[in-house]
Amino acid sequence: MKSISRYLLTENNLAHVVAYFLLSLIALFLIYSLIRSTFFKRTYKGFKFTTKKITYIAMMAAVSSAVTVVISLTLPITVLPPVRMSFEGIMIKIAGMFFGPLVGMIVGLITELITIMFVPSYIHIAYLLLELGVGFLSGIAAVSQKWTGKKKWLTFLVINLFIILYGVIMVLITSSYDQNVKIFGAEISPDTYKFVFIGILGASLFVIWMVVGVFLVIEKSELLEIVLPIILLCVITEFLATTLIGSWGDSSFLGIPRDNGGYTSILMVRLIESPLKILFNTIILSTVYYILRPLVKTK
């Protein structure tokens, strides 16, 4: 396990593994959709490129790009890739939630390419893969919502199981690492890695339970049918894509050398931000989704 841990946390190998995993899922999804649409046309209920839906795709990609460009001109700090990704991701997630994985990936790809053309910024393959992954995972979360239907507590169970499983895997990986990492100038020993993961994932669970508890206290449990799938989306995209793949681009962008932690130090920084980002993204996405849902017809 020690050799596996050292391999994954050296340089950007963990990000590479996750990126290959996501690309494999995307490839399997595309093959499955192609087979279903070719040989099972009568029963296939996948996405069909109607004029209306193409218009929605163009609109969401345009809005996402325009918002990012305008904000970048107003607030120069948003030129930095880690900040820019946050603004781009909102409409990409909305597109995936409404229209599924394929459209989420298309909007993510178009948004990233257009933004790069108009906003001078650091270009790295990790950020392109990040947007593709966010779009794909957003669509998968929407599909899971259809599977669970109104069984909102099943979605809640999936959220908790995902965080626990993610935590177990990451603790196993980090507990065998044997190099110190600097975070905000402070050197952290390998023995504390697992406690950082446990603490942050515990904080994330606390935030999620707190949100659910607030809805139950104000007697708005029916809104959880909207909020819980969005929480699931935010959790999966944050921990799987933004944290693991985004740290690859950030470490290259900041030029952090390997002997100062490199990828692992950025991974820890992004992980520390996760609970607040999950809460913020849930509030924003829930509001936008609740407003747009009556206006956007996906059928």
C-alpha atoms as a PDB file:
ATOM      1  CA  MET A   1       0.000   0.000   0.000  1.00  0.00           C
ATOM      2  CA  LYS A   2       2.920   2.308   0.708  1.00  0.00           C
ATOM      3  CA  SER A   3       4.201   2.044  -2.866  1.00  0.00           C
ATOM      4  CA  ILE A   4       0.693   2.726  -4.246  1.00  0.00           C
ATOM      5  CA  SER A   5       0.301   5.739  -1.971  1.00  0.00           C
ATOM      6  CA  ARG A   6       3.683   7.140  -2.937  1.00  0.00           C
ATOM      7  CA  TYR A   7       2.909   6.659  -6.640  1.00  0.00           C
ATOM      8  CA  LEU A   8      -0.521   8.340  -6.471  1.00  0.00           C
ATOM      9  CA  LEU A   9       0.598  11.342  -4.403  1.00  0.00           C
ATOM     10  CA  THR A  10       3.858  11.900  -6.269  1.00  0.00           C
ATOM     11  CA  GLU A  11       3.575  14.653  -8.844  1.00  0.00           C
ATOM     12  CA  ASN A  12       0.042  14.451 -10.354  1.00  0.00           C
ATOM     13  CA  ASN A  13      -0.514  10.713 -10.646  1.00  0.00           C
ATOM     14  CA  LEU A  14      -3.689  10.677  -8.544  1.00  0.00           C
ATOM     15  CA  ALA A  15      -5.200  13.307 -10.838  1.00  0.00           C
ATOM     16  CA  HIS A  16      -4.159  11.247 -13.869  1.00  0.00           C
ATOM     17  CA  VAL A  17      -5.852   8.132 -12.481  1.00  0.00           C
ATOM     18  CA  VAL A  18      -9.080  10.017 -11.743  1.00  0.00           C
ATOM     19  CA  ALA A  19      -8.992  11.690 -15.172  1.00  0.00           C
ATOM     20  CA  TYR A  20      -8.572   8.331 -16.923  1.00  0.00           C
ATOM     21  CA  PHE A  21     -11.381   6.916 -14.791  1.00  0.00           C
ATOM     22  CA  LEU A  22     -13.746   9.742 -15.783  1.00  0.00           C
ATOM     23  CA  LEU A  23     -12.750   9.500 -19.447  1.00  0.00           C
ATOM     24  CA  SER A  24     -13.429   5.760 -19.336  1.00  0.00           C
ATOM     25  CA  LEU A  25     -16.890   6.388 -17.872  1.00  0.00           C
ATOM     26  CA  ILE A  26     -17.563   8.993 -20.558  1.00  0.00           C
ATOM     27  CA  ALA A  27     -16.446   6.580 -23.293  1.00  0.00           C
ATOM     28  CA  LEU A  28     -18.674   3.799 -21.909  1.00  0.00           C
ATOM     29  CA  PHE A  29     -21.605   6.197 -21.727  1.00  0.00           C
ATOM     30  CA  LEU A  30     -21.115   7.335 -25.334  1.00  0.00           C
ATOM     31  CA  ILE A  31     -20.818   3.735 -26.570  1.00  0.00           C
ATOM     32  CA  TYR A  32     -23.940   2.754 -24.632  1.00  0.00           C
ATOM     33  CA  SER A  33     -25.889   5.730 -26.014  1.00  0.00           C
ATOM     34  CA  LEU A  34     -24.720   4.974 -29.566  1.00  0.00           C
ATOM     35  CA  ILE A  35     -25.783   1.322 -29.318  1.00  0.00           C
ATOM     36  CA  ARG A  36     -29.161   2.190 -27.793  1.00  0.00           C
ATOM     37  CA  SER A  37     -29.894   4.898 -30.361  1.00  0.00           C
ATOM     38  CA  THR A  38     -28.846   2.631 -33.268  1.00  0.00           C
ATOM     39  CA  PHE A  39     -30.403  -0.719 -32.392  1.00  0.00           C
ATOM     40  CA  PHE A  40     -33.142   0.196 -29.912  1.00  0.00           C
ATOM     41  CA  LYS A  41     -34.643   3.335 -31.401  1.00  0.00           C
ATOM     42  CA  ARG A  42     -38.163   2.612 -30.160  1.00  0.00           C
ATOM     43  CA  THR A  43     -37.228   2.235 -26.513  1.00  0.00           C
ATOM     44  CA  TYR A  44     -34.309   4.691 -26.430  1.00  0.00           C
ATOM     45  CA  LYS A  45     -35.188   7.785 -24.418  1.00  0.00           C
ATOM     46  CA  GLY A  46     -31.862   9.526 -24.569  1.00  0.00           C
ATOM     47  CA  PHE A  47     -31.168  13.031 -25.740  1.00  0.00           C
ATOM     48  CA  LYS A  48     -32.388  14.072 -29.188  1.00  0.00           C
ATOM     49  CA  PHE A  49     -30.951  17.175 -30.814  1.00  0.00           C
ATOM     50  CA  THR A  50     -34.115  19.121 -31.536  1.00  0.00           C
ATOM     51  CA  THR A  51     -33.961  22.767 -32.575  1.00  0.00           C
ATOM     52  CA  LYS A  52     -35.281  23.858 -29.186  1.00  0.00           C
ATOM     53  CA  LYS A  53     -32.658  21.877 -27.273  1.00  0.00           C
ATOM     54  CA  ILE A  54     -29.829  23.082 -29.482  1.00  0.00           C
ATOM     55  CA  THR A  55     -31.012  26.608 -28.748  1.00  0.00           C
ATOM     56  CA  TYR A  56     -30.901  25.898 -25.014  1.00  0.00           C
ATOM     57  CA  ILE A  57     -27.374  24.500 -25.335  1.00  0.00           C
ATOM     58  CA  ALA A  58     -26.191  27.597 -27.203  1.00  0.00           C
ATOM     59  CA  MET A  59     -27.904  29.863 -24.695  1.00  0.00           C
ATOM     60  CA  MET A  60     -26.373  28.186 -21.648  1.00  0.00           C
ATOM     61  CA  ALA A  61     -22.897  28.106 -23.173  1.00  0.00           C
ATOM     62  CA  ALA A  62     -23.222  31.766 -24.181  1.00  0.00           C
ATOM     63  CA  VAL A  63     -24.488  32.847 -20.756  1.00  0.00           C
ATOM     64  CA  SER A  64     -21.768  30.879 -18.979  1.00  0.00           C
ATOM     65  CA  SER A  65     -19.029  32.358 -21.180  1.00  0.00           C
ATOM     66  CA  ALA A  66     -20.450  35.895 -21.077  1.00  0.00           C
ATOM     67  CA  VAL A  67     -20.774  35.902 -17.295  1.00  0.00           C
ATOM     68  CA  THR A  68     -17.198  34.668 -16.901  1.00  0.00           C
ATOM     69  CA  VAL A  69     -15.803  37.229 -19.360  1.00  0.00           C
ATOM     70  CA  VAL A  70     -17.712  40.176 -17.836  1.00  0.00           C
ATOM     71  CA  ILE A  71     -16.755  39.232 -14.286  1.00  0.00           C
ATOM     72  CA  SER A  72     -13.122  38.814 -15.348  1.00  0.00           C
ATOM     73  CA  LEU A  73     -13.105  42.345 -16.780  1.00  0.00           C
ATOM     74  CA  THR A  74     -14.662  43.686 -13.567  1.00  0.00           C
ATOM     75  CA  LEU A  75     -12.692  41.626 -11.043  1.00  0.00           C
ATOM     76  CA  PRO A  76      -9.209  40.814 -12.375  1.00  0.00           C
ATOM     77  CA  ILE A  77      -8.725  38.084  -9.748  1.00  0.00           C
ATOM     78  CA  THR A  78     -11.246  35.957 -11.642  1.00  0.00           C
ATOM     79  CA  VAL A  79      -8.683  35.585 -14.427  1.00  0.00           C
ATOM     80  CA  LEU A  80      -6.948  33.071 -12.167  1.00  0.00           C
ATOM     81  CA  PRO A  81      -8.034  29.566 -13.261  1.00  0.00           C
ATOM     82  CA  PRO A  82      -9.140  28.292  -9.819  1.00  0.00           C
ATOM     83  CA  VAL A  83     -11.515  31.261  -9.441  1.00  0.00           C
ATOM     84  CA  ARG A  84     -12.638  31.245 -13.078  1.00  0.00           C
ATOM     85  CA  MET A  85     -13.631  27.578 -12.866  1.00  0.00           C
ATOM     86  CA  SER A  86     -16.151  28.390 -10.124  1.00  0.00           C
ATOM     87  CA  PHE A  87     -18.082  30.841 -12.308  1.00  0.00           C
ATOM     88  CA  GLU A  88     -17.956  28.645 -15.406  1.00  0.00           C
ATOM     89  CA  GLY A  89     -19.169  25.623 -13.487  1.00  0.00           C
ATOM     90  CA  ILE A  90     -22.583  27.034 -12.520  1.00  0.00           C
ATOM     91  CA  MET A  91     -24.212  26.982 -15.967  1.00  0.00           C
ATOM     92  CA  ILE A  92     -22.370  23.785 -16.903  1.00  0.00           C
ATOM     93  CA  LYS A  93     -23.928  22.038 -13.914  1.00  0.00           C
ATOM     94  CA  ILE A  94     -27.348  23.508 -14.736  1.00  0.00           C
ATOM     95  CA  ALA A  95     -27.057  22.271 -18.335  1.00  0.00           C
ATOM     96  CA  GLY A  96     -26.124  18.783 -17.179  1.00  0.00           C
ATOM     97  CA  MET A  97     -28.962  18.723 -14.647  1.00  0.00           C
ATOM     98  CA  PHE A  98     -31.574  19.703 -17.248  1.00  0.00           C
ATOM     99  CA  PHE A  99     -30.374  17.831 -20.322  1.00  0.00           C
ATOM    100  CA  GLY A 100     -28.099  15.024 -19.158  1.00  0.00           C
ATOM    101  CA  PRO A 101     -24.387  14.082 -19.409  1.00  0.00           C
ATOM    102  CA  LEU A 102     -23.913  14.649 -23.144  1.00  0.00           C
ATOM    103  CA  VAL A 103     -25.179  18.232 -23.109  1.00  0.00           C
ATOM    104  CA  GLY A 104     -23.305  18.956 -19.892  1.00  0.00           C
ATOM    105  CA  MET A 105     -20.049  17.932 -21.568  1.00  0.00           C
ATOM    106  CA  ILE A 106     -20.809  19.944 -24.708  1.00  0.00           C
ATOM    107  CA  VAL A 107     -21.608  23.091 -22.730  1.00  0.00           C
ATOM    108  CA  GLY A 108     -18.492  22.556 -20.602  1.00  0.00           C
ATOM    109  CA  LEU A 109     -16.257  22.176 -23.652  1.00  0.00           C
ATOM    110  CA  ILE A 110     -17.734  25.184 -25.483  1.00  0.00           C
ATOM    111  CA  THR A 111     -17.603  27.363 -22.360  1.00  0.00           C
ATOM    112  CA  GLU A 112     -13.965  26.587 -21.675  1.00  0.00           C
ATOM    113  CA  LEU A 113     -12.867  27.161 -25.289  1.00  0.00           C
ATOM    114  CA  ILE A 114     -14.763  30.457 -25.638  1.00  0.00           C
ATOM    115  CA  THR A 115     -13.549  31.744 -22.282  1.00  0.00           C
ATOM    116  CA  ILE A 116      -9.934  30.949 -23.145  1.00  0.00           C
ATOM    117  CA  MET A 117     -10.326  33.010 -26.333  1.00  0.00           C
ATOM    118  CA  PHE A 118     -11.543  36.140 -24.529  1.00  0.00           C
ATOM    119  CA  VAL A 119      -9.985  35.884 -21.061  1.00  0.00           C
ATOM    120  CA  PRO A 120      -6.175  35.731 -20.944  1.00  0.00           C
ATOM    121  CA  SER A 121      -5.417  32.999 -18.456  1.00  0.00           C
ATOM    122  CA  TYR A 122      -3.306  29.948 -17.785  1.00  0.00           C
ATOM    123  CA  ILE A 123      -4.188  27.075 -20.134  1.00  0.00           C
ATOM    124  CA  HIS A 124      -3.867  23.513 -18.899  1.00  0.00           C
ATOM    125  CA  ILE A 125      -5.427  20.205 -19.935  1.00  0.00           C
ATOM    126  CA  ALA A 126      -6.553  19.637 -16.324  1.00  0.00           C
ATOM    127  CA  TYR A 127      -9.027  22.526 -16.532  1.00  0.00           C
ATOM    128  CA  LEU A 128     -10.538  21.237 -19.765  1.00  0.00           C
ATOM    129  CA  LEU A 129     -10.892  17.771 -18.252  1.00  0.00           C
ATOM    130  CA  LEU A 130     -12.380  19.380 -15.154  1.00  0.00           C
ATOM    131  CA  GLU A 131     -15.137  21.092 -17.151  1.00  0.00           C
ATOM    132  CA  LEU A 132     -15.880  17.915 -19.095  1.00  0.00           C
ATOM    133  CA  GLY A 133     -16.022  15.953 -15.862  1.00  0.00           C
ATOM    134  CA  VAL A 134     -18.313  18.478 -14.179  1.00  0.00           C
ATOM    135  CA  GLY A 135     -20.707  18.436 -17.131  1.00  0.00           C
ATOM    136  CA  PHE A 136     -20.744  14.649 -17.278  1.00  0.00           C
ATOM    137  CA  LEU A 137     -21.171  14.144 -13.524  1.00  0.00           C
ATOM    138  CA  SER A 138     -23.943  16.761 -13.445  1.00  0.00           C
ATOM    139  CA  GLY A 139     -25.861  14.766 -16.031  1.00  0.00           C
ATOM    140  CA  ILE A 140     -25.278  11.512 -14.145  1.00  0.00           C
ATOM    141  CA  ALA A 141     -26.616  13.140 -10.968  1.00  0.00           C
ATOM    142  CA  ALA A 142     -29.725  14.193 -12.892  1.00  0.00           C
ATOM    143  CA  VAL A 143     -30.183  10.641 -14.165  1.00  0.00           C
ATOM    144  CA  SER A 144     -29.885   9.316 -10.617  1.00  0.00           C
ATOM    145  CA  GLN A 145     -32.610  11.765  -9.595  1.00  0.00           C
ATOM    146  CA  LYS A 146     -34.945  10.160 -12.141  1.00  0.00           C
ATOM    147  CA  TRP A 147     -34.094   6.711 -10.801  1.00  0.00           C
ATOM    148  CA  THR A 148     -34.828   7.653  -7.189  1.00  0.00           C
ATOM    149  CA  GLY A 149     -37.904   9.719  -8.099  1.00  0.00           C
ATOM    150  CA  LYS A 150     -39.490  11.168  -4.974  1.00  0.00           C
ATOM    151  CA  LYS A 151     -37.512   8.874  -2.685  1.00  0.00           C
ATOM    152  CA  LYS A 152     -35.471  11.783  -1.391  1.00  0.00           C
ATOM    153  CA  TRP A 153     -34.083   9.857   1.559  1.00  0.00           C
ATOM    154  CA  LEU A 154     -32.528   7.358  -0.834  1.00  0.00           C
ATOM    155  CA  THR A 155     -30.595  10.266  -2.381  1.00  0.00           C
ATOM    156  CA  PHE A 156     -29.612  11.379   1.124  1.00  0.00           C
ATOM    157  CA  LEU A 157     -28.323   7.873   1.826  1.00  0.00           C
ATOM    158  CA  VAL A 158     -26.281   7.876  -1.398  1.00  0.00           C
ATOM    159  CA  ILE A 159     -24.702  11.223  -0.405  1.00  0.00           C
ATOM    160  CA  ASN A 160     -23.605   9.879   2.963  1.00  0.00           C
ATOM    161  CA  LEU A 161     -22.319   6.600   1.517  1.00  0.00           C
ATOM    162  CA  PHE A 162     -20.320   8.418  -1.162  1.00  0.00           C
ATOM    163  CA  ILE A 163     -18.615  10.697   1.380  1.00  0.00           C
ATOM    164  CA  ILE A 164     -17.836   7.770   3.703  1.00  0.00           C
ATOM    165  CA  LEU A 165     -16.452   5.611   0.872  1.00  0.00           C
ATOM    166  CA  TYR A 166     -14.440   8.535  -0.503  1.00  0.00           C
ATOM    167  CA  GLY A 167     -13.063   9.192   2.977  1.00  0.00           C
ATOM    168  CA  VAL A 168     -12.046   5.565   3.523  1.00  0.00           C
ATOM    169  CA  ILE A 169     -10.212   5.410   0.177  1.00  0.00           C
ATOM    170  CA  MET A 170      -8.409   8.730   0.681  1.00  0.00           C
ATOM    171  CA  VAL A 171      -7.427   7.878   4.258  1.00  0.00           C
ATOM    172  CA  LEU A 172      -5.959   4.578   3.046  1.00  0.00           C
ATOM    173  CA  ILE A 173      -3.977   6.436   0.374  1.00  0.00           C
ATOM    174  CA  THR A 174      -2.741   9.323   2.545  1.00  0.00           C
ATOM    175  CA  SER A 175      -1.999   7.295   5.691  1.00  0.00           C
ATOM    176  CA  SER A 176       0.824   5.477   3.861  1.00  0.00           C
ATOM    177  CA  TYR A 177       2.415   8.626   2.410  1.00  0.00           C
ATOM    178  CA  ASP A 178       5.803   9.505   3.940  1.00  0.00           C
ATOM    179  CA  GLN A 179       6.579  13.077   2.829  1.00  0.00           C
ATOM    180  CA  ASN A 180       5.820  16.363   4.588  1.00  0.00           C
ATOM    181  CA  VAL A 181       3.584  18.908   2.879  1.00  0.00           C
ATOM    182  CA  LYS A 182       3.429  22.683   3.337  1.00  0.00           C
ATOM    183  CA  ILE A 183      -0.039  24.232   3.591  1.00  0.00           C
ATOM    184  CA  PHE A 184      -0.256  28.018   3.971  1.00  0.00           C
ATOM    185  CA  GLY A 185       3.418  27.975   4.955  1.00  0.00           C
ATOM    186  CA  ALA A 186       2.911  25.410   7.704  1.00  0.00           C
ATOM    187  CA  GLU A 187       4.556  22.022   7.366  1.00  0.00           C
ATOM    188  CA  ILE A 188       2.239  19.073   7.989  1.00  0.00           C
ATOM    189  CA  SER A 189       3.590  15.617   8.714  1.00  0.00           C
ATOM    190  CA  PRO A 190       2.260  12.543   6.886  1.00  0.00           C
ATOM    191  CA  ASP A 191       0.693  11.254  10.112  1.00  0.00           C
ATOM    192  CA  THR A 192      -1.787  14.153  10.118  1.00  0.00           C
ATOM    193  CA  TYR A 193      -2.999  13.637   6.537  1.00  0.00           C
ATOM    194  CA  LYS A 194      -5.685  11.159   7.464  1.00  0.00           C
ATOM    195  CA  PHE A 195      -6.954  13.408  10.247  1.00  0.00           C
ATOM    196  CA  VAL A 196      -7.249  16.296   7.788  1.00  0.00           C
ATOM    197  CA  PHE A 197      -9.374  14.147   5.480  1.00  0.00           C
ATOM    198  CA  ILE A 198     -11.485  12.796   8.325  1.00  0.00           C
ATOM    199  CA  GLY A 199     -12.033  16.273   9.767  1.00  0.00           C
ATOM    200  CA  ILE A 200     -12.958  17.898   6.450  1.00  0.00           C
ATOM    201  CA  LEU A 201     -15.266  15.087   5.360  1.00  0.00           C
ATOM    202  CA  GLY A 202     -16.855  15.156   8.810  1.00  0.00           C
ATOM    203  CA  ALA A 203     -17.398  18.913   8.407  1.00  0.00           C
ATOM    204  CA  SER A 204     -18.963  18.299   4.988  1.00  0.00           C
ATOM    205  CA  LEU A 205     -21.375  15.773   6.460  1.00  0.00           C
ATOM    206  CA  PHE A 206     -22.226  18.254   9.225  1.00  0.00           C
ATOM    207  CA  VAL A 207     -23.019  20.970   6.665  1.00  0.00           C
ATOM    208  CA  ILE A 208     -25.234  18.592   4.670  1.00  0.00           C
ATOM    209  CA  TRP A 209     -27.108  17.373   7.753  1.00  0.00           C
ATOM    210  CA  MET A 210     -27.507  20.985   8.849  1.00  0.00           C
ATOM    211  CA  VAL A 211     -29.072  21.960   5.504  1.00  0.00           C
ATOM    212  CA  VAL A 212     -31.459  19.016   5.629  1.00  0.00           C
ATOM    213  CA  GLY A 213     -32.309  19.816   9.242  1.00  0.00           C
ATOM    214  CA  VAL A 214     -33.155  23.429   8.378  1.00  0.00           C
ATOM    215  CA  PHE A 215     -35.632  22.311   5.715  1.00  0.00           C
ATOM    216  CA  LEU A 216     -37.244  19.903   8.171  1.00  0.00           C
ATOM    217  CA  VAL A 217     -37.486  22.549  10.915  1.00  0.00           C
ATOM    218  CA  ILE A 218     -39.177  25.087   8.610  1.00  0.00           C
ATOM    219  CA  GLU A 219     -41.433  22.279   7.344  1.00  0.00           C
ATOM    220  CA  LYS A 220     -40.303  22.516   3.716  1.00  0.00           C
ATOM    221  CA  SER A 221     -39.339  18.887   3.310  1.00  0.00           C
ATOM    222  CA  GLU A 222     -40.859  18.783  -0.198  1.00  0.00           C
ATOM    223  CA  LEU A 223     -38.090  21.125  -1.381  1.00  0.00           C
ATOM    224  CA  LEU A 224     -35.586  18.430  -0.458  1.00  0.00           C
ATOM    225  CA  GLU A 225     -36.622  16.649  -3.670  1.00  0.00           C
ATOM    226  CA  ILE A 226     -34.840  19.498  -5.469  1.00  0.00           C
ATOM    227  CA  VAL A 227     -32.067  20.245  -2.985  1.00  0.00           C
ATOM    228  CA  LEU A 228     -30.801  16.727  -2.222  1.00  0.00           C
ATOM    229  CA  PRO A 229     -29.935  15.809  -5.854  1.00  0.00           C
ATOM    230  CA  ILE A 230     -28.128  19.160  -6.103  1.00  0.00           C
ATOM    231  CA  ILE A 231     -26.197  18.393  -2.912  1.00  0.00           C
ATOM    232  CA  LEU A 232     -25.279  15.015  -4.414  1.00  0.00           C
ATOM    233  CA  LEU A 233     -24.096  16.798  -7.555  1.00  0.00           C
ATOM    234  CA  CYS A 234     -22.029  19.324  -5.570  1.00  0.00           C
ATOM    235  CA  VAL A 235     -20.451  16.614  -3.415  1.00  0.00           C
ATOM    236  CA  ILE A 236     -19.471  14.389  -6.345  1.00  0.00           C
ATOM    237  CA  THR A 237     -18.121  17.188  -8.542  1.00  0.00           C
ATOM    238  CA  GLU A 238     -16.284  18.848  -5.647  1.00  0.00           C
ATOM    239  CA  PHE A 239     -14.523  15.798  -4.255  1.00  0.00           C
ATOM    240  CA  LEU A 240     -14.018  13.787  -7.436  1.00  0.00           C
ATOM    241  CA  ALA A 241     -13.390  16.439 -10.103  1.00  0.00           C
ATOM    242  CA  THR A 242     -12.613  19.840  -8.579  1.00  0.00           C
ATOM    243  CA  THR A 243     -10.404  18.591  -5.751  1.00  0.00           C
ATOM    244  CA  LEU A 244      -8.543  15.713  -7.389  1.00  0.00           C
ATOM    245  CA  ILE A 245      -8.261  16.961 -10.996  1.00  0.00           C
ATOM    246  CA  GLY A 246      -8.307  20.723 -10.345  1.00  0.00           C
ATOM    247  CA  SER A 247      -5.323  20.430  -7.989  1.00  0.00           C
ATOM    248  CA  TRP A 248      -3.275  19.143 -10.928  1.00  0.00           C
ATOM    249  CA  GLY A 249      -3.855  22.337 -12.899  1.00  0.00           C
ATOM    250  CA  ASP A 250      -3.419  24.561  -9.838  1.00  0.00           C
ATOM    251  CA  SER A 251      -0.050  23.081  -8.866  1.00  0.00           C
ATOM    252  CA  SER A 252       1.214  23.578 -12.413  1.00  0.00           C
ATOM    253  CA  PHE A 253      -0.246  27.103 -12.568  1.00  0.00           C
ATOM    254  CA  LEU A 254       1.330  28.156  -9.255  1.00  0.00           C
ATOM    255  CA  GLY A 255       4.605  26.406 -10.072  1.00  0.00           C
ATOM    256  CA  ILE A 256       4.865  24.714  -6.679  1.00  0.00           C
ATOM    257  CA  PRO A 257       7.934  22.461  -6.775  1.00  0.00           C
ATOM    258  CA  ARG A 258       7.760  18.803  -5.875  1.00  0.00           C
ATOM    259  CA  ASP A 259       9.901  19.199  -2.733  1.00  0.00           C
ATOM    260  CA  ASN A 260       7.355  21.680  -1.314  1.00  0.00           C
ATOM    261  CA  GLY A 261       4.422  19.320  -1.633  1.00  0.00           C
ATOM    262  CA  GLY A 262       3.327  20.229  -5.137  1.00  0.00           C
ATOM    263  CA  TYR A 263       0.093  18.482  -5.989  1.00  0.00           C
ATOM    264  CA  THR A 264      -0.522  17.218  -2.463  1.00  0.00           C
ATOM    265  CA  SER A 265      -0.360  20.673  -0.866  1.00  0.00           C
ATOM    266  CA  ILE A 266      -2.937  22.063  -3.319  1.00  0.00           C
ATOM    267  CA  LEU A 267      -5.057  18.972  -2.788  1.00  0.00           C
ATOM    268  CA  MET A 268      -5.180  19.708   0.932  1.00  0.00           C
ATOM    269  CA  VAL A 269      -5.987  23.389   0.362  1.00  0.00           C
ATOM    270  CA  ARG A 270      -8.866  22.533  -1.966  1.00  0.00           C
ATOM    271  CA  LEU A 271     -10.081  19.918   0.482  1.00  0.00           C
ATOM    272  CA  ILE A 272     -10.173  22.462   3.321  1.00  0.00           C
ATOM    273  CA  GLU A 273     -12.377  24.709   1.154  1.00  0.00           C
ATOM    274  CA  SER A 274     -14.797  21.895   0.280  1.00  0.00           C
ATOM    275  CA  PRO A 275     -17.477  22.243   3.009  1.00  0.00           C
ATOM    276  CA  LEU A 276     -18.015  25.957   2.318  1.00  0.00           C
ATOM    277  CA  LYS A 277     -17.958  25.435  -1.450  1.00  0.00           C
ATOM    278  CA  ILE A 278     -20.533  22.641  -1.209  1.00  0.00           C
ATOM    279  CA  LEU A 279     -22.814  24.909   0.846  1.00  0.00           C
ATOM    280  CA  PHE A 280     -22.328  27.907  -1.474  1.00  0.00           C
ATOM    281  CA  ASN A 281     -22.832  25.883  -4.665  1.00  0.00           C
ATOM    282  CA  THR A 282     -25.929  24.207  -3.224  1.00  0.00           C
ATOM    283  CA  ILE A 283     -27.524  27.584  -2.456  1.00  0.00           C
ATOM    284  CA  ILE A 284     -26.696  29.053  -5.883  1.00  0.00           C
ATOM    285  CA  LEU A 285     -27.630  25.984  -7.935  1.00  0.00           C
ATOM    286  CA  SER A 286     -30.839  25.339  -6.016  1.00  0.00           C
ATOM    287  CA  THR A 287     -31.966  28.923  -6.556  1.00  0.00           C
ATOM    288  CA  VAL A 288     -31.098  28.951 -10.266  1.00  0.00           C
ATOM    289  CA  TYR A 289     -32.607  25.507 -10.846  1.00  0.00           C
ATOM    290  CA  TYR A 290     -35.820  26.407  -8.999  1.00  0.00           C
ATOM    291  CA  ILE A 291     -36.230  29.541 -11.133  1.00  0.00           C
ATOM    292  CA  LEU A 292     -35.370  27.966 -14.489  1.00  0.00           C
ATOM    293  CA  ARG A 293     -37.181  24.659 -14.063  1.00  0.00           C
ATOM    294  CA  PRO A 294     -40.635  26.007 -15.068  1.00  0.00           C
ATOM    295  CA  LEU A 295     -39.102  27.829 -18.065  1.00  0.00           C
ATOM    296  CA  VAL A 296     -36.948  25.057 -19.537  1.00  0.00           C
ATOM    297  CA  LYS A 297     -38.765  22.195 -21.216  1.00  0.00           C
ATOM    298  CA  THR A 298     -36.492  19.217 -21.761  1.00  0.00           C
ATOM    299  CA  LYS A 299     -38.990  17.107 -23.680  1.00  0.00           C
END
